[in-house]
Amino acid sequence: SVLNQLEHLLSLWRSQVCLLRDREEEEEILEKSLFQLRTKLLEGFDRWRHSNVFGGDLESSFQGWCSRPELAQLDPKSSISQVAKACVVECLAFLLVWGEAGNMRFCPELICVLVDAVCHDAVSDAAKGFVASKPPGHFLCSILRPMYNAIFDESYHSVEVENKDDKKKPLSDCVDFAPPEAGNYDDWNELFQDVSELEKRLAAQGQASISTSEERVQAIQSIDWFACFHGWKTHREVHSFMP
């Protein structure tokens, strides 16, 4: 998955270079095309971070991230700018999270929280001179699956194999429609729109803080998402589309 997403990023970058090569000076093409690619790819993430992390306009949000001193320690002998380093880290983090997210892509603000956590930990680890090694499938099994399981349990009780296909078995009150009290993607996504509200809910349950943790991905892994999601729903509605 990592190699696939690296190839994906390089392919997107080459395409952006081709769009600029007839209009820009050669020495400016690589970094300018990278910045343009990052702007297109992470427009939604920029808007989320603008309201949750740095404040101000969108440019100051990105500049706030680029000013982190740890970025200067990423490959210090490299001639590329700190802005270019920030672009590479963010683009790769987004593609890697998106590639593993599966059904959780229906929660774009949740994806933003995960991308922010991965970026934070990546530069922190690199600044310390090491990269944490995890077994294959760790992010999917330890980070994403517990989140999805909490969503799944709102509407289903099991998965059975029928004609070689997996078939989800709904709870008795969710056979035709999910009842108004059952949470769905939009309800949980609302929880991640405002990190300050998410942190209040985690604190009230005695769970780990994400934004103040030195290792944010580890903090996310330790959260009891069923307890966090349960009872969060802020409005009642009947759902015919279930997780």
Protein backbone atom coordinates (compact mmCIF):
# COMPACT_ATOMS: atom_id res chain seq x y z
CA SER A 1 0.00 0.00 0.00
CA VAL A 2 2.83 2.42 0.88
CA LEU A 3 4.67 1.75 -2.39
CA ASN A 4 1.43 2.03 -4.35
CA GLN A 5 0.65 5.44 -2.85
CA LEU A 6 4.21 6.66 -3.44
CA GLU A 7 3.83 5.70 -7.10
CA HIS A 8 0.42 7.40 -7.09
CA LEU A 9 1.94 10.65 -5.77
CA LEU A 10 4.79 10.58 -8.30
CA SER A 11 2.32 10.01 -11.13
CA LEU A 12 0.17 12.96 -10.01
CA TRP A 13 3.26 15.11 -9.63
CA ARG A 14 4.54 14.25 -13.13
CA SER A 15 1.15 15.19 -14.58
CA GLN A 16 1.27 18.55 -12.81
CA VAL A 17 4.82 19.15 -14.08
CA CYS A 18 3.62 18.54 -17.64
CA LEU A 19 0.98 21.26 -17.20
CA LEU A 20 3.63 23.80 -16.20
CA ARG A 21 6.64 22.94 -18.32
CA ASP A 22 5.69 25.24 -21.21
CA ARG A 23 4.95 28.22 -18.96
CA GLU A 24 7.55 28.22 -16.16
CA GLU A 25 11.31 28.39 -15.74
CA GLU A 26 12.79 24.91 -15.46
CA GLU A 27 14.28 25.36 -11.97
CA GLU A 28 10.89 26.42 -10.58
CA ILE A 29 8.77 23.68 -12.07
CA LEU A 30 9.24 20.90 -9.50
CA GLU A 31 8.41 22.88 -6.38
CA LYS A 32 5.69 24.99 -7.96
CA SER A 33 3.95 21.95 -9.45
CA LEU A 34 4.19 20.17 -6.10
CA PHE A 35 2.60 23.10 -4.29
CA GLN A 36 -0.21 23.29 -6.87
CA LEU A 37 -0.83 19.56 -6.58
CA ARG A 38 -0.98 19.82 -2.80
CA THR A 39 -3.44 22.73 -3.02
CA LYS A 40 -5.81 20.71 -5.23
CA LEU A 41 -5.48 17.46 -3.30
CA LEU A 42 -5.87 18.93 0.19
CA GLU A 43 -8.38 21.74 -0.29
CA GLY A 44 -10.86 20.13 2.13
CA PHE A 45 -8.14 19.35 4.66
CA ASP A 46 -6.97 22.97 4.52
CA ARG A 47 -10.46 24.21 5.33
CA TRP A 48 -10.78 21.78 8.24
CA ARG A 49 -7.38 22.76 9.64
CA HIS A 50 -8.17 26.44 9.15
CA SER A 51 -11.06 26.13 11.62
CA ASN A 52 -9.45 23.68 14.04
CA VAL A 53 -5.73 24.28 14.38
CA PHE A 54 -4.22 27.60 13.34
CA GLY A 55 -7.11 29.94 12.53
CA GLY A 56 -6.70 32.90 10.21
CA ASP A 57 -6.92 32.53 6.46
CA LEU A 58 -6.10 29.34 4.56
CA GLU A 59 -2.62 30.49 3.60
CA SER A 60 -1.69 31.24 7.21
CA SER A 61 -2.93 27.78 8.21
CA PHE A 62 -0.57 26.12 5.75
CA GLN A 63 2.24 28.51 6.65
CA GLY A 64 1.69 27.66 10.30
CA TRP A 65 2.30 24.01 9.49
CA CYS A 66 5.33 24.83 7.31
CA SER A 67 6.91 26.82 10.15
CA ARG A 68 7.18 23.77 12.40
CA PRO A 69 10.90 23.43 13.29
CA GLU A 70 10.81 19.64 12.95
CA LEU A 71 10.36 19.97 9.19
CA ALA A 72 13.79 21.56 8.88
CA GLN A 73 15.27 18.37 10.32
CA LEU A 74 13.75 16.16 7.64
CA ASP A 75 16.64 15.27 5.34
CA PRO A 76 18.65 18.37 6.41
CA LYS A 77 21.18 17.93 3.58
CA SER A 78 18.47 18.21 0.95
CA SER A 79 18.30 21.38 -1.14
CA ILE A 80 14.50 21.45 -1.32
CA SER A 81 12.65 24.08 0.68
CA GLN A 82 10.78 23.52 3.92
CA VAL A 83 7.52 24.25 2.09
CA ALA A 84 8.24 21.45 -0.40
CA LYS A 85 9.00 19.05 2.45
CA ALA A 86 5.68 19.98 4.07
CA CYS A 87 3.86 19.36 0.78
CA VAL A 88 5.39 15.89 0.37
CA VAL A 89 4.57 14.86 3.96
CA GLU A 90 0.97 16.04 3.70
CA CYS A 91 0.27 14.57 0.26
CA LEU A 92 1.68 11.17 1.22
CA ALA A 93 -0.16 11.17 4.56
CA PHE A 94 -3.46 11.96 2.83
CA LEU A 95 -3.03 9.31 0.12
CA LEU A 96 -2.00 6.66 2.65
CA VAL A 97 -4.94 7.34 4.97
CA TRP A 98 -7.40 7.59 2.08
CA GLY A 99 -6.12 4.36 0.60
CA GLU A 100 -6.87 2.44 3.80
CA ALA A 101 -10.05 4.25 4.84
CA GLY A 102 -12.66 2.15 3.01
CA ASN A 103 -16.17 3.01 4.24
CA MET A 104 -14.74 5.63 6.59
CA ARG A 105 -14.36 7.87 3.53
CA PHE A 106 -18.00 8.77 4.22
CA CYS A 107 -16.60 10.75 7.20
CA PRO A 108 -14.32 13.36 5.55
CA GLU A 109 -13.71 15.29 8.79
CA LEU A 110 -12.58 12.04 10.43
CA ILE A 111 -10.12 11.60 7.53
CA CYS A 112 -8.82 15.10 8.29
CA VAL A 113 -8.21 14.19 11.95
CA LEU A 114 -6.30 11.07 10.89
CA VAL A 115 -4.21 12.93 8.27
CA ASP A 116 -3.34 15.61 10.81
CA ALA A 117 -2.28 12.95 13.33
CA VAL A 118 -0.17 11.05 10.79
CA CYS A 119 1.58 14.26 9.66
CA HIS A 120 2.27 15.29 13.25
CA ASP A 121 3.75 11.92 14.22
CA ALA A 122 5.74 11.55 10.99
CA VAL A 123 7.69 14.78 11.43
CA SER A 124 8.04 14.26 15.19
CA ASP A 125 9.54 10.80 14.72
CA ALA A 126 11.83 11.97 11.92
CA ALA A 127 13.06 14.88 14.06
CA LYS A 128 14.01 12.39 16.76
CA GLY A 129 16.02 10.42 14.24
CA PHE A 130 13.83 7.34 13.96
CA VAL A 131 10.75 6.06 12.19
CA ALA A 132 8.43 3.81 14.14
CA SER A 133 8.09 0.38 12.52
CA LYS A 134 4.67 -1.28 12.55
CA PRO A 135 3.62 -4.65 11.11
CA PRO A 136 1.69 -4.75 7.81
CA GLY A 137 -1.98 -3.92 8.32
CA HIS A 138 -1.42 -2.14 11.64
CA PHE A 139 -3.15 1.11 10.65
CA LEU A 140 -6.16 -0.71 9.20
CA CYS A 141 -6.55 -3.18 12.08
CA SER A 142 -5.63 -0.96 15.03
CA ILE A 143 -6.87 2.48 13.96
CA LEU A 144 -9.62 2.23 11.33
CA ARG A 145 -11.31 -1.06 12.16
CA PRO A 146 -12.17 -0.16 15.80
CA MET A 147 -13.79 3.05 14.53
CA TYR A 148 -15.80 1.21 11.88
CA ASN A 149 -16.79 -1.52 14.34
CA ALA A 150 -18.37 1.13 16.59
CA ILE A 151 -20.37 2.42 13.63
CA PHE A 152 -21.24 -1.11 12.45
CA ASP A 153 -22.62 -2.08 15.88
CA GLU A 154 -25.24 0.67 15.69
CA SER A 155 -27.11 -1.13 12.89
CA TYR A 156 -25.80 -4.71 12.56
CA HIS A 157 -25.07 -7.72 14.72
CA SER A 158 -22.92 -9.90 12.45
CA VAL A 159 -21.59 -10.67 8.98
CA GLU A 160 -22.41 -13.98 7.30
CA VAL A 161 -21.22 -15.56 4.06
CA GLU A 162 -23.96 -16.17 1.49
CA ASN A 163 -23.09 -17.45 -2.00
CA LYS A 164 -19.43 -16.58 -1.34
CA ASP A 165 -20.36 -12.96 -0.57
CA ASP A 166 -20.29 -11.24 2.80
CA LYS A 167 -23.75 -10.14 3.91
CA LYS A 168 -24.27 -7.87 6.89
CA LYS A 169 -27.11 -8.91 9.20
CA PRO A 170 -29.04 -5.92 10.58
CA LEU A 171 -30.35 -5.63 14.11
CA SER A 172 -34.03 -6.46 14.53
CA ASP A 173 -35.05 -2.79 14.55
CA CYS A 174 -32.89 -1.97 11.50
CA VAL A 175 -34.24 -4.46 8.94
CA ASP A 176 -35.88 -1.84 6.72
CA PHE A 177 -34.70 1.45 8.18
CA ALA A 178 -32.38 2.48 10.95
CA PRO A 179 -34.42 4.01 13.81
CA PRO A 180 -34.08 7.75 14.56
CA GLU A 181 -31.85 7.04 17.58
CA ALA A 182 -29.27 5.05 15.58
CA GLY A 183 -26.14 6.91 14.60
CA ASN A 184 -24.87 7.04 11.05
CA TYR A 185 -21.92 8.43 9.12
CA ASP A 186 -23.13 12.03 9.21
CA ASP A 187 -23.59 11.90 13.00
CA TRP A 188 -20.06 10.70 13.69
CA ASN A 189 -18.63 13.00 11.07
CA GLU A 190 -20.21 15.90 12.96
CA LEU A 191 -18.17 14.89 16.00
CA PHE A 192 -14.94 15.48 14.07
CA GLN A 193 -15.90 18.84 12.57
CA ASP A 194 -14.81 20.63 15.74
CA VAL A 195 -11.78 19.13 17.50
CA SER A 196 -12.47 21.17 20.65
CA GLU A 197 -15.86 19.47 21.05
CA LEU A 198 -14.31 16.06 20.38
CA GLU A 199 -11.70 16.75 23.06
CA LYS A 200 -14.40 17.75 25.57
CA ARG A 201 -16.23 14.49 24.94
CA LEU A 202 -13.03 12.45 25.31
CA ALA A 203 -12.12 14.30 28.53
CA ALA A 204 -15.58 13.73 30.01
CA GLN A 205 -15.09 9.99 29.48
CA GLY A 206 -11.55 10.01 30.85
CA GLN A 207 -10.10 9.09 27.45
CA ALA A 208 -6.89 10.20 25.78
CA SER A 209 -6.56 13.67 24.25
CA ILE A 210 -5.63 13.69 20.56
CA SER A 211 -4.48 17.27 20.02
CA THR A 212 -2.25 17.48 23.10
CA SER A 213 -0.66 14.05 22.73
CA GLU A 214 2.95 13.80 21.60
CA GLU A 215 2.01 10.63 19.68
CA ARG A 216 -1.40 11.35 18.20
CA VAL A 217 -1.86 8.11 16.27
CA GLN A 218 -1.16 6.16 19.46
CA ALA A 219 -3.72 8.31 21.30
CA ILE A 220 -6.35 7.55 18.62
CA GLN A 221 -5.56 3.84 18.92
CA SER A 222 -6.25 3.88 22.67
CA ILE A 223 -9.72 5.48 22.46
CA ASP A 224 -12.86 3.45 23.14
CA TRP A 225 -14.77 4.60 20.08
CA PHE A 226 -17.94 2.72 20.94
CA ALA A 227 -18.20 4.72 24.17
CA CYS A 228 -17.23 7.92 22.37
CA PHE A 229 -19.76 7.51 19.54
CA HIS A 230 -22.60 6.10 21.64
CA GLY A 231 -25.26 8.70 22.40
CA TRP A 232 -23.53 11.41 20.37
CA LYS A 233 -26.40 11.84 17.89
CA THR A 234 -27.59 15.47 17.95
CA HIS A 235 -30.73 15.12 15.79
CA ARG A 236 -33.29 12.41 15.03
CA GLU A 237 -33.86 11.08 11.53
CA VAL A 238 -34.68 7.80 9.81
CA HIS A 239 -31.91 6.29 7.65
CA SER A 240 -32.41 3.90 4.75
CA PHE A 241 -28.68 3.95 3.92
CA MET A 242 -26.73 2.23 6.69
CA PRO A 243 -22.95 1.78 7.23
